[in-house]
């Protein structure tokens, strides 16, 4: 008998671009920590740093049958990588996360516990009680500017969209596969997650936030931004999207 909330297989999707320094240590941590039966799908955007090459060598050497690599040569980008990972997944639950160790792999188990408890979507959150940013040490890739602007942006999105949801730009998630039969990912880096959460609430899926401590990237370059202009430019896109979502739902009376 298959119980309603049982997880038969978890598909852990790791979208990568220039993560050659992080990806193998991350895979090994997932192998060590994740308790439920899983598969790992690395979706690489043909990284010039040879991320795909090192992953393929690891798979061959370890003879791991539950690790797959997809190297994408066209239509690249974070959202499209996640979408392809979902299409390739065999599990009834999918997880995805950043590959720079800012999202601790042990939190995957906490996210999955909530799915087994009856939730459709479980999100790693920096802004609920118990969650936070760990400030970067001098010389690291993260900055106080990024932390402050991220908090301000999430407060603004929360105020506009409501739903009592805190971390609209998380990107750390476990979700039942059935969610994506109704909610189709769209939007650029970061925007897709705001869109996903808003539409999931509109479709009445059960969503919970799980606190975690976001760690600073220690290796490689951040994909989020590196200066005030880049952060502000991304923030403007988030606000434009948020207003558009309200327009679609309350003026056009539609949920794409």
C-alpha atoms as a PDB file:
ATOM      1  CA  UNK A   1       0.000   0.000   0.000  1.00  0.00           C
ATOM      2  CA  UNK A   2       1.258   3.511  -0.858  1.00  0.00           C
ATOM      3  CA  UNK A   3       0.331   6.051   1.785  1.00  0.00           C
ATOM      4  CA  UNK A   4      -0.834   9.511   0.804  1.00  0.00           C
ATOM      5  CA  UNK A   5       2.220  11.398   2.075  1.00  0.00           C
ATOM      6  CA  UNK A   6       4.843   8.736   1.398  1.00  0.00           C
ATOM      7  CA  UNK A   7       7.962   9.784  -0.480  1.00  0.00           C
ATOM      8  CA  UNK A   8       8.896   7.002  -2.880  1.00  0.00           C
ATOM      9  CA  UNK A   9      11.922   8.776  -4.328  1.00  0.00           C
ATOM     10  CA  UNK A  10      13.366  12.263  -3.972  1.00  0.00           C
ATOM     11  CA  UNK A  11      14.879  13.882  -7.051  1.00  0.00           C
ATOM     12  CA  UNK A  12      17.527  16.394  -5.947  1.00  0.00           C
ATOM     13  CA  UNK A  13      18.154  18.853  -8.779  1.00  0.00           C
ATOM     14  CA  UNK A  14      21.445  20.730  -8.747  1.00  0.00           C
ATOM     15  CA  UNK A  15      21.531  23.506 -11.386  1.00  0.00           C
ATOM     16  CA  UNK A  16      25.136  24.545 -11.999  1.00  0.00           C
ATOM     17  CA  UNK A  17      27.120  27.180 -13.790  1.00  0.00           C
ATOM     18  CA  UNK A  18      30.835  27.456 -12.970  1.00  0.00           C
ATOM     19  CA  UNK A  19      30.631  25.443  -9.746  1.00  0.00           C
ATOM     20  CA  UNK A  20      33.628  23.189 -10.354  1.00  0.00           C
ATOM     21  CA  UNK A  21      34.987  23.926  -6.857  1.00  0.00           C
ATOM     22  CA  UNK A  22      31.749  23.121  -5.066  1.00  0.00           C
ATOM     23  CA  UNK A  23      29.792  20.461  -6.930  1.00  0.00           C
ATOM     24  CA  UNK A  24      31.665  17.272  -5.938  1.00  0.00           C
ATOM     25  CA  UNK A  25      31.895  18.210  -2.232  1.00  0.00           C
ATOM     26  CA  UNK A  26      28.159  19.023  -2.361  1.00  0.00           C
ATOM     27  CA  UNK A  27      27.284  15.677  -3.940  1.00  0.00           C
ATOM     28  CA  UNK A  28      29.322  13.871  -1.269  1.00  0.00           C
ATOM     29  CA  UNK A  29      27.556  15.791   1.506  1.00  0.00           C
ATOM     30  CA  UNK A  30      24.160  14.885   0.060  1.00  0.00           C
ATOM     31  CA  UNK A  31      25.230  11.248  -0.132  1.00  0.00           C
ATOM     32  CA  UNK A  32      26.329  11.370   3.498  1.00  0.00           C
ATOM     33  CA  UNK A  33      23.354  13.233   4.920  1.00  0.00           C
ATOM     34  CA  UNK A  34      20.120  12.569   3.021  1.00  0.00           C
ATOM     35  CA  UNK A  35      18.168   9.769   4.706  1.00  0.00           C
ATOM     36  CA  UNK A  36      15.376   9.115   2.188  1.00  0.00           C
ATOM     37  CA  UNK A  37      15.901   7.234  -1.088  1.00  0.00           C
ATOM     38  CA  UNK A  38      17.070   9.783  -3.643  1.00  0.00           C
ATOM     39  CA  UNK A  39      18.524  10.493  -7.050  1.00  0.00           C
ATOM     40  CA  UNK A  40      20.754  13.450  -7.906  1.00  0.00           C
ATOM     41  CA  UNK A  41      20.342  15.281 -11.205  1.00  0.00           C
ATOM     42  CA  UNK A  42      23.048  17.801 -12.073  1.00  0.00           C
ATOM     43  CA  UNK A  43      21.867  20.202 -14.770  1.00  0.00           C
ATOM     44  CA  UNK A  44      24.861  22.160 -16.020  1.00  0.00           C
ATOM     45  CA  UNK A  45      24.701  25.097 -18.424  1.00  0.00           C
ATOM     46  CA  UNK A  46      27.859  23.974 -20.248  1.00  0.00           C
ATOM     47  CA  UNK A  47      30.063  25.755 -17.692  1.00  0.00           C
ATOM     48  CA  UNK A  48      33.370  26.988 -19.146  1.00  0.00           C
ATOM     49  CA  UNK A  49      35.099  25.907 -15.918  1.00  0.00           C
ATOM     50  CA  UNK A  50      34.450  22.242 -16.852  1.00  0.00           C
ATOM     51  CA  UNK A  51      31.847  21.534 -14.164  1.00  0.00           C
ATOM     52  CA  UNK A  52      30.247  18.890 -16.402  1.00  0.00           C
ATOM     53  CA  UNK A  53      33.567  17.185 -17.040  1.00  0.00           C
ATOM     54  CA  UNK A  54      34.400  16.772 -13.360  1.00  0.00           C
ATOM     55  CA  UNK A  55      30.866  15.538 -12.562  1.00  0.00           C
ATOM     56  CA  UNK A  56      31.009  12.955 -15.342  1.00  0.00           C
ATOM     57  CA  UNK A  57      34.404  11.746 -14.093  1.00  0.00           C
ATOM     58  CA  UNK A  58      33.002  11.441 -10.564  1.00  0.00           C
ATOM     59  CA  UNK A  59      30.001   9.417 -11.760  1.00  0.00           C
ATOM     60  CA  UNK A  60      32.245   7.021 -13.686  1.00  0.00           C
ATOM     61  CA  UNK A  61      34.721   6.620 -10.841  1.00  0.00           C
ATOM     62  CA  UNK A  62      32.118   6.150  -8.113  1.00  0.00           C
ATOM     63  CA  UNK A  63      29.822   4.029 -10.340  1.00  0.00           C
ATOM     64  CA  UNK A  64      26.896   5.813  -8.721  1.00  0.00           C
ATOM     65  CA  UNK A  65      23.704   4.709 -10.453  1.00  0.00           C
ATOM     66  CA  UNK A  66      21.546   7.345  -8.773  1.00  0.00           C
ATOM     67  CA  UNK A  67      23.486  10.351 -10.150  1.00  0.00           C
ATOM     68  CA  UNK A  68      22.780  11.768 -13.596  1.00  0.00           C
ATOM     69  CA  UNK A  69      24.259  14.672 -15.537  1.00  0.00           C
ATOM     70  CA  UNK A  70      22.521  16.826 -18.127  1.00  0.00           C
ATOM     71  CA  UNK A  71      24.712  19.348 -19.941  1.00  0.00           C
ATOM     72  CA  UNK A  72      22.601  22.021 -21.620  1.00  0.00           C
ATOM     73  CA  UNK A  73      23.953  23.658 -24.781  1.00  0.00           C
ATOM     74  CA  UNK A  74      21.036  25.971 -25.588  1.00  0.00           C
ATOM     75  CA  UNK A  75      18.172  27.908 -23.976  1.00  0.00           C
ATOM     76  CA  UNK A  76      20.285  28.187 -20.863  1.00  0.00           C
ATOM     77  CA  UNK A  77      19.509  29.905 -17.562  1.00  0.00           C
ATOM     78  CA  UNK A  78      18.558  28.949 -14.005  1.00  0.00           C
ATOM     79  CA  UNK A  79      14.802  28.608 -14.529  1.00  0.00           C
ATOM     80  CA  UNK A  80      15.172  26.511 -17.663  1.00  0.00           C
ATOM     81  CA  UNK A  81      17.718  24.297 -15.911  1.00  0.00           C
ATOM     82  CA  UNK A  82      15.320  23.640 -13.030  1.00  0.00           C
ATOM     83  CA  UNK A  83      12.461  22.959 -15.450  1.00  0.00           C
ATOM     84  CA  UNK A  84      14.556  20.428 -17.337  1.00  0.00           C
ATOM     85  CA  UNK A  85      15.610  18.835 -14.065  1.00  0.00           C
ATOM     86  CA  UNK A  86      11.952  18.404 -13.109  1.00  0.00           C
ATOM     87  CA  UNK A  87      11.195  16.880 -16.521  1.00  0.00           C
ATOM     88  CA  UNK A  88      14.062  14.402 -16.086  1.00  0.00           C
ATOM     89  CA  UNK A  89      13.160  13.532 -12.487  1.00  0.00           C
ATOM     90  CA  UNK A  90      11.762  10.131 -11.521  1.00  0.00           C
ATOM     91  CA  UNK A  91      10.788  10.989  -7.934  1.00  0.00           C
ATOM     92  CA  UNK A  92       7.359  11.965  -6.643  1.00  0.00           C
ATOM     93  CA  UNK A  93       9.100  14.787  -4.738  1.00  0.00           C
ATOM     94  CA  UNK A  94      11.708  17.188  -6.127  1.00  0.00           C
ATOM     95  CA  UNK A  95      14.254  19.324  -4.303  1.00  0.00           C
ATOM     96  CA  UNK A  96      16.497  22.017  -5.669  1.00  0.00           C
ATOM     97  CA  UNK A  97      19.061  24.321  -4.115  1.00  0.00           C
ATOM     98  CA  UNK A  98      22.072  26.495  -4.860  1.00  0.00           C
ATOM     99  CA  UNK A  99      25.337  24.608  -5.268  1.00  0.00           C
ATOM    100  CA  UNK A 100      27.646  26.972  -3.381  1.00  0.00           C
ATOM    101  CA  UNK A 101      27.016  25.611   0.157  1.00  0.00           C
ATOM    102  CA  UNK A 102      25.028  28.704   1.151  1.00  0.00           C
ATOM    103  CA  UNK A 103      22.162  26.230   1.632  1.00  0.00           C
ATOM    104  CA  UNK A 104      23.331  23.477   4.039  1.00  0.00           C
ATOM    105  CA  UNK A 105      22.560  19.986   2.667  1.00  0.00           C
ATOM    106  CA  UNK A 106      21.382  18.668   6.059  1.00  0.00           C
ATOM    107  CA  UNK A 107      18.357  20.993   5.787  1.00  0.00           C
ATOM    108  CA  UNK A 108      17.059  18.791   2.946  1.00  0.00           C
ATOM    109  CA  UNK A 109      15.972  16.243   5.573  1.00  0.00           C
ATOM    110  CA  UNK A 110      13.998  18.935   7.423  1.00  0.00           C
ATOM    111  CA  UNK A 111      12.254  20.000   4.229  1.00  0.00           C
ATOM    112  CA  UNK A 112      11.329  16.407   3.429  1.00  0.00           C
ATOM    113  CA  UNK A 113       9.963  15.822   6.934  1.00  0.00           C
ATOM    114  CA  UNK A 114       7.384  18.546   6.258  1.00  0.00           C
ATOM    115  CA  UNK A 115       6.419  16.951   2.946  1.00  0.00           C
ATOM    116  CA  UNK A 116       5.922  13.628   4.712  1.00  0.00           C
ATOM    117  CA  UNK A 117       3.863  15.522   7.267  1.00  0.00           C
ATOM    118  CA  UNK A 118       1.341  16.519   4.603  1.00  0.00           C
ATOM    119  CA  UNK A 119       2.652  19.730   3.049  1.00  0.00           C
ATOM    120  CA  UNK A 120       2.895  20.116  -0.730  1.00  0.00           C
ATOM    121  CA  UNK A 121       5.758  22.619  -0.635  1.00  0.00           C
ATOM    122  CA  UNK A 122       8.451  23.099   1.980  1.00  0.00           C
ATOM    123  CA  UNK A 123      10.758  26.107   1.637  1.00  0.00           C
ATOM    124  CA  UNK A 124      14.071  26.791   3.331  1.00  0.00           C
ATOM    125  CA  UNK A 125      13.614  30.261   4.793  1.00  0.00           C
ATOM    126  CA  UNK A 126      16.070  32.834   6.084  1.00  0.00           C
ATOM    127  CA  UNK A 127      13.338  35.108   7.421  1.00  0.00           C
ATOM    128  CA  UNK A 128      11.191  32.981   9.736  1.00  0.00           C
ATOM    129  CA  UNK A 129      12.116  32.494  13.387  1.00  0.00           C
ATOM    130  CA  UNK A 130      15.330  30.500  13.586  1.00  0.00           C
ATOM    131  CA  UNK A 131      16.477  31.470  10.104  1.00  0.00           C
ATOM    132  CA  UNK A 132      19.144  34.048   9.370  1.00  0.00           C
ATOM    133  CA  UNK A 133      22.133  35.073   7.290  1.00  0.00           C
ATOM    134  CA  UNK A 134      25.565  34.297   8.629  1.00  0.00           C
ATOM    135  CA  UNK A 135      27.676  37.357   7.891  1.00  0.00           C
ATOM    136  CA  UNK A 136      30.619  36.782   5.621  1.00  0.00           C
ATOM    137  CA  UNK A 137      34.126  37.097   6.963  1.00  0.00           C
ATOM    138  CA  UNK A 138      36.367  39.712   5.446  1.00  0.00           C
ATOM    139  CA  UNK A 139      37.359  38.739   1.939  1.00  0.00           C
ATOM    140  CA  UNK A 140      34.429  36.377   1.359  1.00  0.00           C
ATOM    141  CA  UNK A 141      32.002  36.680  -1.547  1.00  0.00           C
ATOM    142  CA  UNK A 142      28.880  37.750   0.348  1.00  0.00           C
ATOM    143  CA  UNK A 143      28.362  41.265   1.663  1.00  0.00           C
ATOM    144  CA  UNK A 144      26.327  43.192   4.211  1.00  0.00           C
ATOM    145  CA  UNK A 145      24.820  45.134   1.284  1.00  0.00           C
ATOM    146  CA  UNK A 146      23.397  41.942  -0.228  1.00  0.00           C
ATOM    147  CA  UNK A 147      21.900  40.893   3.117  1.00  0.00           C
ATOM    148  CA  UNK A 148      20.255  44.261   3.808  1.00  0.00           C
ATOM    149  CA  UNK A 149      18.831  44.609   0.306  1.00  0.00           C
ATOM    150  CA  UNK A 150      17.526  41.023   0.354  1.00  0.00           C
ATOM    151  CA  UNK A 151      15.651  41.692   3.598  1.00  0.00           C
ATOM    152  CA  UNK A 152      14.192  44.943   2.275  1.00  0.00           C
ATOM    153  CA  UNK A 153      13.119  43.289  -0.966  1.00  0.00           C
ATOM    154  CA  UNK A 154      11.378  40.428   0.812  1.00  0.00           C
ATOM    155  CA  UNK A 155       9.571  42.781   3.179  1.00  0.00           C
ATOM    156  CA  UNK A 156       8.303  44.726   0.157  1.00  0.00           C
ATOM    157  CA  UNK A 157       7.150  41.621  -1.720  1.00  0.00           C
ATOM    158  CA  UNK A 158       5.483  40.270   1.399  1.00  0.00           C
ATOM    159  CA  UNK A 159       3.639  43.551   1.907  1.00  0.00           C
ATOM    160  CA  UNK A 160       2.370  43.566  -1.688  1.00  0.00           C
ATOM    161  CA  UNK A 161       1.476  39.884  -2.083  1.00  0.00           C
ATOM    162  CA  UNK A 162       0.603  38.992   1.494  1.00  0.00           C
ATOM    163  CA  UNK A 163       0.000  35.294   2.248  1.00  0.00           C
ATOM    164  CA  UNK A 164       2.118  35.705   5.395  1.00  0.00           C
ATOM    165  CA  UNK A 165       5.055  34.217   3.493  1.00  0.00           C
ATOM    166  CA  UNK A 166       8.506  35.540   4.408  1.00  0.00           C
ATOM    167  CA  UNK A 167      11.209  34.366   1.990  1.00  0.00           C
ATOM    168  CA  UNK A 168       9.987  34.968  -1.562  1.00  0.00           C
ATOM    169  CA  UNK A 169      13.526  34.773  -2.960  1.00  0.00           C
ATOM    170  CA  UNK A 170      14.641  31.579  -1.220  1.00  0.00           C
ATOM    171  CA  UNK A 171      15.350  29.126  -4.060  1.00  0.00           C
ATOM    172  CA  UNK A 172      15.689  26.263  -1.535  1.00  0.00           C
ATOM    173  CA  UNK A 173      12.662  24.011  -1.842  1.00  0.00           C
ATOM    174  CA  UNK A 174      11.120  20.556  -1.652  1.00  0.00           C
ATOM    175  CA  UNK A 175       7.843  20.080  -3.516  1.00  0.00           C
ATOM    176  CA  UNK A 176       5.531  17.321  -4.606  1.00  0.00           C
ATOM    177  CA  UNK A 177       5.754  16.621  -8.318  1.00  0.00           C
ATOM    178  CA  UNK A 178       2.004  17.217  -8.668  1.00  0.00           C
ATOM    179  CA  UNK A 179       2.550  20.924  -7.959  1.00  0.00           C
ATOM    180  CA  UNK A 180       4.170  21.379 -11.359  1.00  0.00           C
ATOM    181  CA  UNK A 181       1.185  19.982 -13.214  1.00  0.00           C
ATOM    182  CA  UNK A 182      -0.636  23.180 -12.251  1.00  0.00           C
ATOM    183  CA  UNK A 183       2.204  25.627 -11.670  1.00  0.00           C
ATOM    184  CA  UNK A 184       4.651  26.103 -14.534  1.00  0.00           C
ATOM    185  CA  UNK A 185       7.951  27.833 -13.833  1.00  0.00           C
ATOM    186  CA  UNK A 186       8.472  31.116 -15.635  1.00  0.00           C
ATOM    187  CA  UNK A 187      10.692  34.141 -15.181  1.00  0.00           C
ATOM    188  CA  UNK A 188      14.372  34.906 -14.894  1.00  0.00           C
ATOM    189  CA  UNK A 189      16.799  34.352 -12.023  1.00  0.00           C
ATOM    190  CA  UNK A 190      14.951  34.869  -8.730  1.00  0.00           C
ATOM    191  CA  UNK A 191      11.724  36.010 -10.365  1.00  0.00           C
ATOM    192  CA  UNK A 192      10.653  32.428 -11.012  1.00  0.00           C
ATOM    193  CA  UNK A 193      10.505  31.694  -7.261  1.00  0.00           C
ATOM    194  CA  UNK A 194       8.275  34.662  -6.438  1.00  0.00           C
ATOM    195  CA  UNK A 195       5.981  33.564  -9.255  1.00  0.00           C
ATOM    196  CA  UNK A 196       6.021  29.925  -8.085  1.00  0.00           C
ATOM    197  CA  UNK A 197       5.106  30.703  -4.474  1.00  0.00           C
ATOM    198  CA  UNK A 198       2.383  33.196  -5.381  1.00  0.00           C
ATOM    199  CA  UNK A 199       0.708  30.823  -7.855  1.00  0.00           C
ATOM    200  CA  UNK A 200       1.034  27.881  -5.461  1.00  0.00           C
ATOM    201  CA  UNK A 201      -0.905  29.821  -2.818  1.00  0.00           C
ATOM    202  CA  UNK A 202      -3.511  30.711  -5.440  1.00  0.00           C
ATOM    203  CA  UNK A 203      -3.894  27.009  -6.273  1.00  0.00           C
ATOM    204  CA  UNK A 204      -4.377  26.244  -2.560  1.00  0.00           C
ATOM    205  CA  UNK A 205      -1.289  24.089  -2.131  1.00  0.00           C
ATOM    206  CA  UNK A 206      -0.132  23.619   1.467  1.00  0.00           C
ATOM    207  CA  UNK A 207       3.111  25.559   1.980  1.00  0.00           C
ATOM    208  CA  UNK A 208       5.418  25.845   4.973  1.00  0.00           C
ATOM    209  CA  UNK A 209       8.703  27.658   5.614  1.00  0.00           C
ATOM    210  CA  UNK A 210      11.524  25.871   7.431  1.00  0.00           C
ATOM    211  CA  UNK A 211      14.214  28.057   9.034  1.00  0.00           C
ATOM    212  CA  UNK A 212      17.835  27.677   8.034  1.00  0.00           C
ATOM    213  CA  UNK A 213      21.012  29.706   8.389  1.00  0.00           C
ATOM    214  CA  UNK A 214      22.214  30.924   5.001  1.00  0.00           C
ATOM    215  CA  UNK A 215      25.989  30.597   4.866  1.00  0.00           C
ATOM    216  CA  UNK A 216      28.356  32.827   2.889  1.00  0.00           C
ATOM    217  CA  UNK A 217      29.785  31.490  -0.354  1.00  0.00           C
ATOM    218  CA  UNK A 218      33.439  30.650   0.195  1.00  0.00           C
ATOM    219  CA  UNK A 219      34.429  29.468  -3.291  1.00  0.00           C
ATOM    220  CA  UNK A 220      33.529  30.700  -6.753  1.00  0.00           C
ATOM    221  CA  UNK A 221      31.661  33.785  -7.902  1.00  0.00           C
ATOM    222  CA  UNK A 222      28.174  34.811  -6.807  1.00  0.00           C
ATOM    223  CA  UNK A 223      25.456  34.719  -9.486  1.00  0.00           C
ATOM    224  CA  UNK A 224      23.235  37.192  -7.609  1.00  0.00           C
ATOM    225  CA  UNK A 225      25.302  40.329  -8.030  1.00  0.00           C
ATOM    226  CA  UNK A 226      28.456  42.072  -6.907  1.00  0.00           C
ATOM    227  CA  UNK A 227      27.577  45.769  -6.612  1.00  0.00           C
ATOM    228  CA  UNK A 228      24.753  48.129  -5.641  1.00  0.00           C
ATOM    229  CA  UNK A 229      23.616  48.725  -9.232  1.00  0.00           C
ATOM    230  CA  UNK A 230      23.239  45.002  -9.965  1.00  0.00           C
ATOM    231  CA  UNK A 231      21.268  44.426  -6.752  1.00  0.00           C
ATOM    232  CA  UNK A 232      18.984  47.400  -7.394  1.00  0.00           C
ATOM    233  CA  UNK A 233      18.407  46.379 -11.001  1.00  0.00           C
ATOM    234  CA  UNK A 234      17.366  42.913  -9.891  1.00  0.00           C
ATOM    235  CA  UNK A 235      15.170  44.394  -7.159  1.00  0.00           C
ATOM    236  CA  UNK A 236      13.290  46.545  -9.667  1.00  0.00           C
ATOM    237  CA  UNK A 237      12.555  43.419 -11.739  1.00  0.00           C
ATOM    238  CA  UNK A 238      11.173  41.699  -8.636  1.00  0.00           C
ATOM    239  CA  UNK A 239       8.829  44.589  -7.853  1.00  0.00           C
ATOM    240  CA  UNK A 240       7.622  44.814 -11.462  1.00  0.00           C
ATOM    241  CA  UNK A 241       6.874  41.093 -11.389  1.00  0.00           C
ATOM    242  CA  UNK A 242       5.058  41.385  -8.055  1.00  0.00           C
ATOM    243  CA  UNK A 243       2.771  44.129  -9.401  1.00  0.00           C
ATOM    244  CA  UNK A 244       2.129  42.078 -12.541  1.00  0.00           C
ATOM    245  CA  UNK A 245       1.097  39.077 -10.435  1.00  0.00           C
ATOM    246  CA  UNK A 246      -1.457  41.188  -8.598  1.00  0.00           C
ATOM    247  CA  UNK A 247      -2.773  42.521 -11.916  1.00  0.00           C
ATOM    248  CA  UNK A 248      -3.134  39.021 -13.356  1.00  0.00           C
ATOM    249  CA  UNK A 249      -4.936  37.659 -10.307  1.00  0.00           C
ATOM    250  CA  UNK A 250      -7.237  40.516  -9.320  1.00  0.00           C
ATOM    251  CA  UNK A 251      -7.767  42.445 -12.571  1.00  0.00           C
ATOM    252  CA  UNK A 252      -7.517  39.754 -15.241  1.00  0.00           C
ATOM    253  CA  UNK A 253      -8.866  37.119 -12.813  1.00  0.00           C
ATOM    254  CA  UNK A 254      -6.400  34.521 -14.030  1.00  0.00           C
ATOM    255  CA  UNK A 255      -3.693  32.336 -12.551  1.00  0.00           C
ATOM    256  CA  UNK A 256      -1.268  31.354 -15.348  1.00  0.00           C
END
